Structures are given as C-alpha cells and as structure tokens.
Amino acid sequence: MDFRISRFATLAVAASVALGGASVHAGETYSAAQREALGAVDALFVAMARHDVEASRRLILPGANFVVLLPDGKLRIEADTGYLDTLSKRKEAFLERIWDAQVTVQGNLAQVWAPYDFHLDGKLSHCGIDSFSLARTADGWRIAGISYTVQKVGCAPSPLGAVHPQ
C-alpha cells in the first residue's frame, strides 16, 4: 500500500470497528485535525492487532521511544525497533482500546491522552493511560513517541463494554 498515512489513518477508524473495536470515539466532537491525529493512533492499534510490522513502521517515526511506567513505579524505555521486533515475534491476539481521548493540535504537533485497556487473547491484561506525541509530516500524522502507565489490578470496567474472544 503506497498511500499517505493520513488516508490510512482515516480508514483505520472504520477498520478498527471491523476488527472488534480498537477505539471508539462516538459522541465526542473533534476538529478535522484532531480526527486525523486520532486516526493515526487508531491505525497503529489496527496494525498492532494484525501484527503488521510494515504498517506500524509507516506510522511510527524512526527513533520514537516508548516510555512505560510499570506498576512497581519503575520506568522502561524502548526504542521503536524494540517495539517492532516484539510485534513480529509475539503471536497472541492484541487488542488495545482507548476512549474519552483528549486531543490537542497546534500546527504540526499533536498530543493524544486517553484511558485504555489492553487485552491478550481476549482477556484483560492491563489498563492505564496512553499518551501519544505525534508530528504531521509530508506523509501525514506519525507517532513521535508513546508514554503509558500499566495498571494490572483495579481496572475499572471500560465504557466500551466487554471484549469477546475471537
């Protein structure tokens, strides 16, 4: 597929519903720029669910970092290459969903902050807060970095409802 990331991201919202609803933003009002930035996040979730390393690579800027705040308070930092390698090797069914996203856009910079839940093989693994930094390039919105918390216990029920194993 050789089309712009922004077009890919826009289509990903519809595709996420077909894949079991990676993210739902119904009832939320966003500007066109906010929807485009949010679309890049949704597209990454779709690529992750498909274990599609190439689509993920097109959505993530080279050198992007993943910063994880673990339940014990420790911090883990992983480069984009580590994430892509893990995505290619792990075979479990991944499903990440966000809701109530706060999306801020100023020019070519965007931030998406949202609660999430993450499921492995149809079972809740953890929840927390996702924070995505995005940059708009000639190819559309791309992920510049991701920070997230991991909460293993006490996850409130998602407003998106239960996940049913595929």
C-alpha atoms as a PDB file:
ATOM      1  CA  MET A   1       0.000   0.000   0.000  1.00  0.00           C
ATOM      2  CA  ASP A   2       1.550   3.219  -1.105  1.00  0.00           C
ATOM      3  CA  PHE A   3      -0.753   5.932   0.126  1.00  0.00           C
ATOM      4  CA  ARG A   4      -0.421   8.722   2.633  1.00  0.00           C
ATOM      5  CA  ILE A   5      -0.504   7.891   6.332  1.00  0.00           C
ATOM      6  CA  SER A   6      -3.355  10.353   6.904  1.00  0.00           C
ATOM      7  CA  ARG A   7      -5.570   8.469   4.433  1.00  0.00           C
ATOM      8  CA  PHE A   8      -4.514   5.172   6.048  1.00  0.00           C
ATOM      9  CA  ALA A   9      -5.327   6.594   9.451  1.00  0.00           C
ATOM     10  CA  THR A  10      -8.759   7.769   8.377  1.00  0.00           C
ATOM     11  CA  LEU A  11      -9.623   4.334   7.016  1.00  0.00           C
ATOM     12  CA  ALA A  12      -8.307   2.707  10.182  1.00  0.00           C
ATOM     13  CA  VAL A  13     -11.135   4.018  12.312  1.00  0.00           C
ATOM     14  CA  ALA A  14     -13.621   2.042  10.222  1.00  0.00           C
ATOM     15  CA  ALA A  15     -11.286  -0.950  10.137  1.00  0.00           C
ATOM     16  CA  SER A  16     -10.921  -0.922  13.917  1.00  0.00           C
ATOM     17  CA  VAL A  17     -14.637  -1.477  14.285  1.00  0.00           C
ATOM     18  CA  ALA A  18     -14.434  -4.430  11.903  1.00  0.00           C
ATOM     19  CA  LEU A  19     -11.583  -5.871  13.985  1.00  0.00           C
ATOM     20  CA  GLY A  20     -13.524  -5.712  17.204  1.00  0.00           C
ATOM     21  CA  GLY A  21     -13.474  -2.017  18.030  1.00  0.00           C
ATOM     22  CA  ALA A  22      -9.906  -0.931  18.782  1.00  0.00           C
ATOM     23  CA  SER A  23     -11.129   2.537  19.748  1.00  0.00           C
ATOM     24  CA  VAL A  24     -14.463   4.234  19.849  1.00  0.00           C
ATOM     25  CA  HIS A  25     -14.842   7.984  19.767  1.00  0.00           C
ATOM     26  CA  ALA A  26     -18.607   8.172  19.197  1.00  0.00           C
ATOM     27  CA  GLY A  27     -20.302  11.163  20.704  1.00  0.00           C
ATOM     28  CA  GLU A  28     -17.034  13.041  21.013  1.00  0.00           C
ATOM     29  CA  THR A  29     -16.569  16.192  18.957  1.00  0.00           C
ATOM     30  CA  TYR A  30     -13.207  16.696  17.302  1.00  0.00           C
ATOM     31  CA  SER A  31     -11.916  19.093  14.682  1.00  0.00           C
ATOM     32  CA  ALA A  32     -10.664  17.689  11.374  1.00  0.00           C
ATOM     33  CA  ALA A  33      -7.033  17.972  12.548  1.00  0.00           C
ATOM     34  CA  GLN A  34      -7.862  16.226  15.822  1.00  0.00           C
ATOM     35  CA  ARG A  35      -9.650  13.412  13.951  1.00  0.00           C
ATOM     36  CA  GLU A  36      -6.632  12.977  11.670  1.00  0.00           C
ATOM     37  CA  ALA A  37      -4.210  12.759  14.617  1.00  0.00           C
ATOM     38  CA  LEU A  38      -6.526  10.369  16.442  1.00  0.00           C
ATOM     39  CA  GLY A  39      -6.803   8.360  13.227  1.00  0.00           C
ATOM     40  CA  ALA A  40      -3.046   7.739  13.288  1.00  0.00           C
ATOM     41  CA  VAL A  41      -3.368   6.316  16.821  1.00  0.00           C
ATOM     42  CA  ASP A  42      -6.295   4.129  15.750  1.00  0.00           C
ATOM     43  CA  ALA A  43      -4.310   2.978  12.715  1.00  0.00           C
ATOM     44  CA  LEU A  44      -1.456   1.924  14.996  1.00  0.00           C
ATOM     45  CA  PHE A  45      -3.890  -0.139  17.086  1.00  0.00           C
ATOM     46  CA  VAL A  46      -5.193  -1.827  13.926  1.00  0.00           C
ATOM     47  CA  ALA A  47      -1.639  -2.578  12.744  1.00  0.00           C
ATOM     48  CA  MET A  48      -0.791  -3.929  16.213  1.00  0.00           C
ATOM     49  CA  ALA A  49      -3.863  -6.188  16.217  1.00  0.00           C
ATOM     50  CA  ARG A  50      -2.775  -7.564  12.843  1.00  0.00           C
ATOM     51  CA  HIS A  51       0.900  -7.862  13.898  1.00  0.00           C
ATOM     52  CA  ASP A  52       1.585  -5.760  10.798  1.00  0.00           C
ATOM     53  CA  VAL A  53       5.146  -4.565  11.273  1.00  0.00           C
ATOM     54  CA  GLU A  54       5.308  -2.670   7.969  1.00  0.00           C
ATOM     55  CA  ALA A  55       2.119  -0.693   8.625  1.00  0.00           C
ATOM     56  CA  SER A  56       3.386   0.056  12.143  1.00  0.00           C
ATOM     57  CA  ARG A  57       6.741   1.195  10.766  1.00  0.00           C
ATOM     58  CA  ARG A  58       4.951   3.629   8.417  1.00  0.00           C
ATOM     59  CA  LEU A  59       3.049   5.096  11.383  1.00  0.00           C
ATOM     60  CA  ILE A  60       5.992   5.479  13.787  1.00  0.00           C
ATOM     61  CA  LEU A  61       8.777   7.993  13.228  1.00  0.00           C
ATOM     62  CA  PRO A  62      12.229   6.374  13.230  1.00  0.00           C
ATOM     63  CA  GLY A  63      13.802   6.791  16.654  1.00  0.00           C
ATOM     64  CA  ALA A  64      10.491   7.162  18.514  1.00  0.00           C
ATOM     65  CA  ASN A  65      10.593   5.981  22.115  1.00  0.00           C
ATOM     66  CA  PHE A  66       8.062   4.013  24.126  1.00  0.00           C
ATOM     67  CA  VAL A  67       8.158   5.038  27.788  1.00  0.00           C
ATOM     68  CA  VAL A  68       6.374   2.653  30.153  1.00  0.00           C
ATOM     69  CA  LEU A  69       5.604   3.398  33.784  1.00  0.00           C
ATOM     70  CA  LEU A  70       5.296  -0.056  35.363  1.00  0.00           C
ATOM     71  CA  PRO A  71       3.058  -0.916  38.345  1.00  0.00           C
ATOM     72  CA  ASP A  72       6.076  -1.015  40.684  1.00  0.00           C
ATOM     73  CA  GLY A  73       6.978   2.569  39.726  1.00  0.00           C
ATOM     74  CA  LYS A  74       9.922   1.570  37.556  1.00  0.00           C
ATOM     75  CA  LEU A  75      10.366   3.066  34.136  1.00  0.00           C
ATOM     76  CA  ARG A  76      11.117   1.100  30.977  1.00  0.00           C
ATOM     77  CA  ILE A  77      12.168   2.861  27.786  1.00  0.00           C
ATOM     78  CA  GLU A  78      12.102   1.001  24.497  1.00  0.00           C
ATOM     79  CA  ALA A  79      13.054   2.206  21.032  1.00  0.00           C
ATOM     80  CA  ASP A  80      10.712   1.851  18.082  1.00  0.00           C
ATOM     81  CA  THR A  81      12.849  -1.008  16.779  1.00  0.00           C
ATOM     82  CA  GLY A  82      12.265  -2.969  20.000  1.00  0.00           C
ATOM     83  CA  TYR A  83       8.512  -2.496  19.686  1.00  0.00           C
ATOM     84  CA  LEU A  84       8.541  -3.598  16.026  1.00  0.00           C
ATOM     85  CA  ASP A  85      10.668  -6.641  16.877  1.00  0.00           C
ATOM     86  CA  THR A  86       8.284  -7.650  19.678  1.00  0.00           C
ATOM     87  CA  LEU A  87       5.304  -7.151  17.370  1.00  0.00           C
ATOM     88  CA  SER A  88       6.814  -9.509  14.799  1.00  0.00           C
ATOM     89  CA  LYS A  89       7.678 -12.251  17.327  1.00  0.00           C
ATOM     90  CA  ARG A  90       4.654 -12.388  19.641  1.00  0.00           C
ATOM     91  CA  LYS A  91       1.654 -14.272  18.317  1.00  0.00           C
ATOM     92  CA  GLU A  92      -1.064 -13.538  20.890  1.00  0.00           C
ATOM     93  CA  ALA A  93      -4.156 -11.648  19.795  1.00  0.00           C
ATOM     94  CA  PHE A  94      -3.605  -7.993  20.775  1.00  0.00           C
ATOM     95  CA  LEU A  95      -6.451  -5.549  21.315  1.00  0.00           C
ATOM     96  CA  GLU A  96      -5.925  -2.069  22.701  1.00  0.00           C
ATOM     97  CA  ARG A  97      -8.835   0.324  23.117  1.00  0.00           C
ATOM     98  CA  ILE A  98      -8.959   3.977  24.130  1.00  0.00           C
ATOM     99  CA  TRP A  99     -11.885   6.251  24.982  1.00  0.00           C
ATOM    100  CA  ASP A 100     -12.533   9.812  26.133  1.00  0.00           C
ATOM    101  CA  ALA A 101      -9.423  10.943  24.266  1.00  0.00           C
ATOM    102  CA  GLN A 102      -8.165  14.448  24.864  1.00  0.00           C
ATOM    103  CA  VAL A 103      -6.632  15.582  21.583  1.00  0.00           C
ATOM    104  CA  THR A 104      -4.601  18.767  21.325  1.00  0.00           C
ATOM    105  CA  VAL A 105      -3.298  20.005  17.981  1.00  0.00           C
ATOM    106  CA  GLN A 106      -1.113  23.038  17.332  1.00  0.00           C
ATOM    107  CA  GLY A 107       0.118  23.272  13.764  1.00  0.00           C
ATOM    108  CA  ASN A 108       2.056  20.101  13.003  1.00  0.00           C
ATOM    109  CA  LEU A 109       2.237  18.870  16.597  1.00  0.00           C
ATOM    110  CA  ALA A 110      -0.442  16.831  18.367  1.00  0.00           C
ATOM    111  CA  GLN A 111      -0.939  15.087  21.680  1.00  0.00           C
ATOM    112  CA  VAL A 112      -3.469  12.329  22.380  1.00  0.00           C
ATOM    113  CA  TRP A 113      -4.113  11.421  26.033  1.00  0.00           C
ATOM    114  CA  ALA A 114      -6.652   8.727  26.883  1.00  0.00           C
ATOM    115  CA  PRO A 115      -7.512   5.904  29.247  1.00  0.00           C
ATOM    116  CA  TYR A 116      -7.002   2.483  27.683  1.00  0.00           C
ATOM    117  CA  ASP A 117      -7.373  -1.212  28.220  1.00  0.00           C
ATOM    118  CA  PHE A 118      -5.207  -3.891  26.666  1.00  0.00           C
ATOM    119  CA  HIS A 119      -6.289  -7.460  26.009  1.00  0.00           C
ATOM    120  CA  LEU A 120      -4.211 -10.548  25.200  1.00  0.00           C
ATOM    121  CA  ASP A 121      -6.074 -13.400  23.538  1.00  0.00           C
ATOM    122  CA  GLY A 122      -9.397 -11.826  24.525  1.00  0.00           C
ATOM    123  CA  LYS A 123      -8.541 -11.432  28.215  1.00  0.00           C
ATOM    124  CA  LEU A 124      -7.847  -8.151  30.006  1.00  0.00           C
ATOM    125  CA  SER A 125      -4.100  -7.867  30.604  1.00  0.00           C
ATOM    126  CA  HIS A 126      -3.888  -4.333  31.975  1.00  0.00           C
ATOM    127  CA  CYS A 127      -5.180  -0.788  31.729  1.00  0.00           C
ATOM    128  CA  GLY A 128      -3.840   2.713  32.244  1.00  0.00           C
ATOM    129  CA  ILE A 129      -3.281   5.988  30.450  1.00  0.00           C
ATOM    130  CA  ASP A 130      -1.853   6.299  26.929  1.00  0.00           C
ATOM    131  CA  SER A 131      -0.071   9.476  25.883  1.00  0.00           C
ATOM    132  CA  PHE A 132       0.869   9.788  22.210  1.00  0.00           C
ATOM    133  CA  SER A 133       3.026  12.565  20.757  1.00  0.00           C
ATOM    134  CA  LEU A 134       2.501  12.994  17.031  1.00  0.00           C
ATOM    135  CA  ALA A 135       4.088  15.057  14.284  1.00  0.00           C
ATOM    136  CA  ARG A 136       2.482  15.859  10.951  1.00  0.00           C
ATOM    137  CA  THR A 137       4.919  15.130   8.138  1.00  0.00           C
ATOM    138  CA  ALA A 138       4.578  15.170   4.359  1.00  0.00           C
ATOM    139  CA  ASP A 139       3.216  11.619   4.782  1.00  0.00           C
ATOM    140  CA  GLY A 140       0.587  12.662   7.347  1.00  0.00           C
ATOM    141  CA  TRP A 141       0.454  12.220  11.123  1.00  0.00           C
ATOM    142  CA  ARG A 142       3.112   9.925  12.571  1.00  0.00           C
ATOM    143  CA  ILE A 143       3.799   8.759  16.109  1.00  0.00           C
ATOM    144  CA  ALA A 144       6.817  10.581  17.582  1.00  0.00           C
ATOM    145  CA  GLY A 145       6.632   8.881  20.978  1.00  0.00           C
ATOM    146  CA  ILE A 146       4.346   6.941  23.279  1.00  0.00           C
ATOM    147  CA  SER A 147       4.217   7.013  27.066  1.00  0.00           C
ATOM    148  CA  TYR A 148       1.839   4.873  29.067  1.00  0.00           C
ATOM    149  CA  THR A 149       1.090   3.560  32.522  1.00  0.00           C
ATOM    150  CA  VAL A 150       0.482  -0.113  33.250  1.00  0.00           C
ATOM    151  CA  GLN A 151      -2.111  -0.967  35.880  1.00  0.00           C
ATOM    152  CA  LYS A 152      -2.599  -4.709  36.485  1.00  0.00           C
ATOM    153  CA  VAL A 153      -5.252  -4.545  39.223  1.00  0.00           C
ATOM    154  CA  GLY A 154      -8.229  -2.335  39.881  1.00  0.00           C
ATOM    155  CA  CYS A 155      -9.048  -1.605  36.247  1.00  0.00           C
ATOM    156  CA  ALA A 156     -12.474  -0.015  36.055  1.00  0.00           C
ATOM    157  CA  PRO A 157     -14.832  -1.556  33.506  1.00  0.00           C
ATOM    158  CA  SER A 158     -14.365   0.060  30.114  1.00  0.00           C
ATOM    159  CA  PRO A 159     -17.238   2.189  28.802  1.00  0.00           C
ATOM    160  CA  LEU A 160     -16.684   0.263  25.541  1.00  0.00           C
ATOM    161  CA  GLY A 161     -18.017  -2.908  27.121  1.00  0.00           C
ATOM    162  CA  ALA A 162     -16.613  -6.396  27.411  1.00  0.00           C
ATOM    163  CA  VAL A 163     -14.262  -7.951  24.897  1.00  0.00           C
ATOM    164  CA  HIS A 164     -15.333 -11.287  23.490  1.00  0.00           C
ATOM    165  CA  PRO A 165     -12.572 -13.686  22.395  1.00  0.00           C
ATOM    166  CA  GLN A 166     -12.390 -14.090  18.632  1.00  0.00           C
END
